[in-house]
Amino acid sequence: MTERGSIARGGRVALLVGVLALAACNSTTGNQVEGVLDPRAAAPGQDTQPTAADEVVDLRAYCPKTVMRAGTETYNAYPDTMKSDDPDKARKLRFRATIIEVVRECNYAGPMLNMKVGVAGRIVSGPGGETGDFRLPVRVAVTQGDTVLYSQLHDITATIPPGRPNNNFSFVDSAVSIPKPDKENIIIYVGFDELRVDLPNAVPPKDNLRPIN
């Protein structure tokens, strides 16, 4: 099994061919995933209409930063019947997915702040060399203090083609819309959510966060 460090050394996420080039202030590491927010890359069923005429795209305007709760950047999948204390757990790992880059874009339209959140990462097959299509539970949530303004779980598809040990994946949540904030206290949370449930108090502990941008 390739470790996370080897994944990072294996190369950055391949960029989607797109028309939307983000400024460095909207990227995790100096626009390394330029093109991930291509409107054509939105999740199936999401609105991909062009920017409305009354929207204001201003890179100097307040655009909330994204953070990731420790541990949610990696998703390990095992057989459903395996017990958590199985001594052969490492050998039975089906695949490991890792979020490598996160970007966001903000547009103001009247009383609303509309955001696109893009995620890019890598999926690696386990010791058994399993290939195929795999579902990854990625959650995007937006909070203001203790109030959850938006929370959506996306089951995205990542594919490891036959004969290959790994592949890239990317996803865009283009439906994030909240009331225009009067304070700069909005946080965007991005990460894998293995529990797949929305909790009443869905704000992660503040001492367990890794800043993204």
Protein backbone atom coordinates (compact mmCIF):
# COMPACT_ATOMS: atom_id res chain seq x y z
CA MET A 1 0.00 0.00 0.00
CA THR A 2 1.38 3.38 -0.98
CA GLU A 3 1.60 5.66 2.05
CA ARG A 4 0.28 9.22 2.08
CA GLY A 5 3.75 10.66 1.73
CA SER A 6 4.32 8.61 -1.40
CA ILE A 7 1.01 9.85 -2.78
CA ALA A 8 2.11 13.44 -2.36
CA ARG A 9 5.45 12.74 -3.98
CA GLY A 10 3.76 10.93 -6.85
CA GLY A 11 2.64 14.23 -8.33
CA ARG A 12 -0.05 16.89 -8.02
CA VAL A 13 -3.63 16.35 -9.04
CA ALA A 14 -4.12 16.60 -12.81
CA LEU A 15 -6.00 19.78 -13.67
CA LEU A 16 -9.40 19.66 -15.30
CA VAL A 17 -9.52 21.48 -18.60
CA GLY A 18 -11.57 24.58 -17.76
CA VAL A 19 -12.27 28.19 -18.52
CA LEU A 20 -12.27 29.50 -14.96
CA ALA A 21 -8.80 30.41 -13.66
CA LEU A 22 -8.85 31.26 -9.96
CA ALA A 23 -6.62 33.88 -8.39
CA ALA A 24 -4.06 32.67 -5.83
CA CYS A 25 -6.15 34.00 -2.95
CA ASN A 26 -8.80 31.42 -3.82
CA SER A 27 -6.45 28.43 -3.82
CA THR A 28 -4.90 26.28 -1.16
CA THR A 29 -1.37 26.48 -2.55
CA GLY A 30 -1.05 29.25 -5.06
CA ASN A 31 -3.69 28.09 -7.56
CA GLN A 32 -2.42 24.50 -7.83
CA VAL A 33 -5.86 23.24 -8.86
CA GLU A 34 -6.68 25.92 -11.37
CA GLY A 35 -9.60 24.70 -13.43
CA VAL A 36 -11.25 22.47 -10.82
CA LEU A 37 -14.08 24.99 -10.56
CA ASP A 38 -14.90 24.64 -14.24
CA PRO A 39 -18.73 24.91 -14.31
CA ARG A 40 -18.80 21.78 -16.48
CA ALA A 41 -17.31 19.78 -13.59
CA ALA A 42 -20.22 20.34 -11.21
CA ALA A 43 -21.87 17.39 -9.52
CA PRO A 44 -24.62 15.60 -11.49
CA GLY A 45 -27.95 17.34 -11.04
CA GLN A 46 -26.47 20.60 -9.81
CA ASP A 47 -27.25 23.87 -11.54
CA THR A 48 -24.52 24.89 -13.98
CA GLN A 49 -26.11 28.09 -15.29
CA PRO A 50 -23.68 30.91 -16.10
CA THR A 51 -23.11 33.72 -13.63
CA ALA A 52 -26.17 35.98 -13.36
CA ALA A 53 -25.81 39.49 -14.71
CA ASP A 54 -26.29 41.08 -11.29
CA GLU A 55 -23.64 38.95 -9.60
CA VAL A 56 -20.46 40.68 -8.51
CA VAL A 57 -17.23 38.74 -8.96
CA ASP A 58 -14.70 40.72 -6.92
CA LEU A 59 -11.52 38.93 -5.85
CA ARG A 60 -11.02 41.61 -3.19
CA ALA A 61 -14.39 40.92 -1.57
CA TYR A 62 -14.66 38.71 1.51
CA CYS A 63 -14.55 35.03 0.59
CA PRO A 64 -14.68 32.64 3.58
CA LYS A 65 -11.70 30.37 4.13
CA THR A 66 -11.91 26.60 4.18
CA VAL A 67 -10.68 24.30 6.95
CA MET A 68 -10.44 20.56 7.33
CA ARG A 69 -11.00 18.64 10.57
CA ALA A 70 -7.99 16.48 11.43
CA GLY A 71 -8.37 13.04 9.89
CA THR A 72 -11.10 13.95 7.39
CA GLU A 73 -8.65 14.44 4.55
CA THR A 74 -8.18 10.66 4.24
CA TYR A 75 -10.77 7.93 3.69
CA ASN A 76 -9.84 4.25 4.13
CA ALA A 77 -12.29 1.60 2.91
CA TYR A 78 -12.42 -1.98 4.19
CA PRO A 79 -14.79 -4.92 3.60
CA ASP A 80 -18.17 -4.32 5.23
CA THR A 81 -17.91 -7.56 7.22
CA MET A 82 -14.50 -6.78 8.71
CA LYS A 83 -14.28 -6.02 12.45
CA SER A 84 -12.42 -2.91 13.60
CA ASP A 85 -9.93 -4.99 15.62
CA ASP A 86 -9.16 -7.42 12.78
CA PRO A 87 -5.40 -8.22 12.96
CA ASP A 88 -5.29 -8.36 9.15
CA LYS A 89 -6.81 -4.91 8.79
CA ALA A 90 -3.90 -3.46 6.81
CA ARG A 91 -3.93 -6.35 4.35
CA LYS A 92 -7.70 -6.05 3.82
CA LEU A 93 -7.65 -2.35 2.93
CA ARG A 94 -9.64 -1.97 -0.30
CA PHE A 95 -8.54 1.54 -1.17
CA ARG A 96 -7.40 4.84 0.31
CA ALA A 97 -8.61 8.22 -0.94
CA THR A 98 -6.88 11.47 0.03
CA ILE A 99 -8.03 15.05 -0.53
CA ILE A 100 -4.97 16.95 -1.75
CA GLU A 101 -6.37 20.31 -2.83
CA VAL A 102 -9.39 22.49 -1.99
CA VAL A 103 -10.40 25.75 -3.69
CA ARG A 104 -13.39 28.05 -3.43
CA GLU A 105 -14.88 30.92 -5.40
CA CYS A 106 -17.33 33.53 -4.13
CA ASN A 107 -19.88 35.61 -6.03
CA TYR A 108 -22.19 38.18 -4.46
CA ALA A 109 -25.73 38.45 -5.87
CA GLY A 110 -28.04 40.86 -4.07
CA PRO A 111 -28.52 39.64 -0.47
CA MET A 112 -26.82 36.30 -1.12
CA LEU A 113 -23.26 35.01 -1.13
CA ASN A 114 -22.94 32.15 -3.63
CA MET A 115 -19.91 29.88 -3.47
CA LYS A 116 -18.36 27.06 -5.45
CA VAL A 117 -16.15 24.65 -3.51
CA GLY A 118 -13.79 22.42 -5.49
CA VAL A 119 -12.04 19.31 -4.19
CA ALA A 120 -9.29 17.33 -5.90
CA GLY A 121 -7.46 14.27 -4.66
CA ARG A 122 -6.06 10.83 -5.33
CA ILE A 123 -7.36 7.31 -4.81
CA VAL A 124 -4.96 4.38 -4.37
CA SER A 125 -5.80 0.68 -4.48
CA GLY A 126 -5.10 -1.48 -1.42
CA PRO A 127 -2.84 -4.54 -1.21
CA GLY A 128 -5.34 -6.62 -3.19
CA GLY A 129 -5.06 -4.31 -6.21
CA GLU A 130 -8.82 -3.76 -6.43
CA THR A 131 -9.98 -1.63 -9.36
CA GLY A 132 -13.32 -0.18 -10.46
CA ASP A 133 -15.67 2.61 -9.39
CA PHE A 134 -15.70 3.64 -5.72
CA ARG A 135 -18.02 5.96 -3.80
CA LEU A 136 -16.42 8.66 -1.65
CA PRO A 137 -18.50 10.49 1.01
CA VAL A 138 -17.41 14.14 0.78
CA ARG A 139 -19.17 16.72 2.96
CA VAL A 140 -19.21 20.47 2.42
CA ALA A 141 -20.55 22.51 5.33
CA VAL A 142 -20.68 26.23 6.08
CA THR A 143 -21.04 27.65 9.58
CA GLN A 144 -21.30 31.02 11.26
CA GLY A 145 -20.42 30.62 14.91
CA ASP A 146 -22.52 27.71 16.19
CA THR A 147 -25.05 28.02 13.35
CA VAL A 148 -24.87 25.60 10.43
CA LEU A 149 -25.84 27.57 7.32
CA TYR A 150 -25.24 24.80 4.80
CA SER A 151 -24.37 21.12 4.99
CA GLN A 152 -24.44 18.67 2.13
CA LEU A 153 -23.05 15.13 1.81
CA HIS A 154 -21.96 14.16 -1.69
CA ASP A 155 -21.30 10.57 -2.72
CA ILE A 156 -18.83 11.20 -5.49
CA THR A 157 -17.37 8.54 -7.78
CA ALA A 158 -13.66 7.84 -8.11
CA THR A 159 -12.37 5.27 -10.57
CA ILE A 160 -9.24 3.11 -10.59
CA PRO A 161 -8.97 1.72 -14.14
CA PRO A 162 -7.92 -1.90 -14.74
CA GLY A 163 -4.16 -2.32 -14.73
CA ARG A 164 -3.55 0.85 -12.71
CA PRO A 165 -2.86 1.16 -8.95
CA ASN A 166 -4.25 4.68 -8.53
CA ASN A 167 -6.04 7.60 -10.14
CA ASN A 168 -7.10 11.21 -9.56
CA PHE A 169 -10.57 12.48 -8.66
CA SER A 170 -12.20 15.89 -8.50
CA PHE A 171 -15.57 17.33 -7.51
CA VAL A 172 -17.30 20.71 -7.37
CA ASP A 173 -20.17 21.70 -5.08
CA SER A 174 -21.63 24.62 -7.00
CA ALA A 175 -24.81 24.99 -4.94
CA VAL A 176 -23.49 26.66 -1.78
CA SER A 177 -25.58 29.78 -1.11
CA ILE A 178 -25.92 31.69 2.16
CA PRO A 179 -27.20 35.14 3.21
CA LYS A 180 -24.60 37.83 2.65
CA PRO A 181 -22.63 37.94 5.95
CA ASP A 182 -22.25 41.18 7.88
CA LYS A 183 -19.15 39.84 9.65
CA GLU A 184 -16.14 37.90 8.40
CA ASN A 185 -16.87 34.89 10.59
CA ILE A 186 -17.93 32.27 8.06
CA ILE A 187 -16.09 28.93 7.87
CA ILE A 188 -16.29 26.38 5.06
CA TYR A 189 -15.63 22.80 6.21
CA VAL A 190 -14.56 20.20 3.65
CA GLY A 191 -13.67 16.56 4.25
CA PHE A 192 -14.68 12.92 4.12
CA ASP A 193 -17.67 12.04 6.33
CA GLU A 194 -17.75 8.32 7.10
CA LEU A 195 -20.74 8.70 9.45
CA ARG A 196 -22.86 10.14 6.63
CA VAL A 197 -25.24 11.87 9.04
CA ASP A 198 -26.03 15.49 9.90
CA LEU A 199 -25.80 16.16 13.60
CA PRO A 200 -27.67 18.99 15.37
CA ASN A 201 -24.33 20.44 16.51
CA ALA A 202 -22.30 19.89 13.39
CA VAL A 203 -19.49 22.29 14.22
CA PRO A 204 -16.15 20.46 14.61
CA PRO A 205 -14.02 21.27 17.69
CA LYS A 206 -11.95 24.38 17.00
CA ASP A 207 -8.79 22.76 18.35
CA ASN A 208 -8.98 19.95 15.80
CA LEU A 209 -8.82 21.88 12.55
CA ARG A 210 -6.26 22.14 9.77
CA PRO A 211 -6.44 25.42 7.81
CA ILE A 212 -6.74 24.96 4.06
CA ASN A 213 -6.86 28.53 2.77
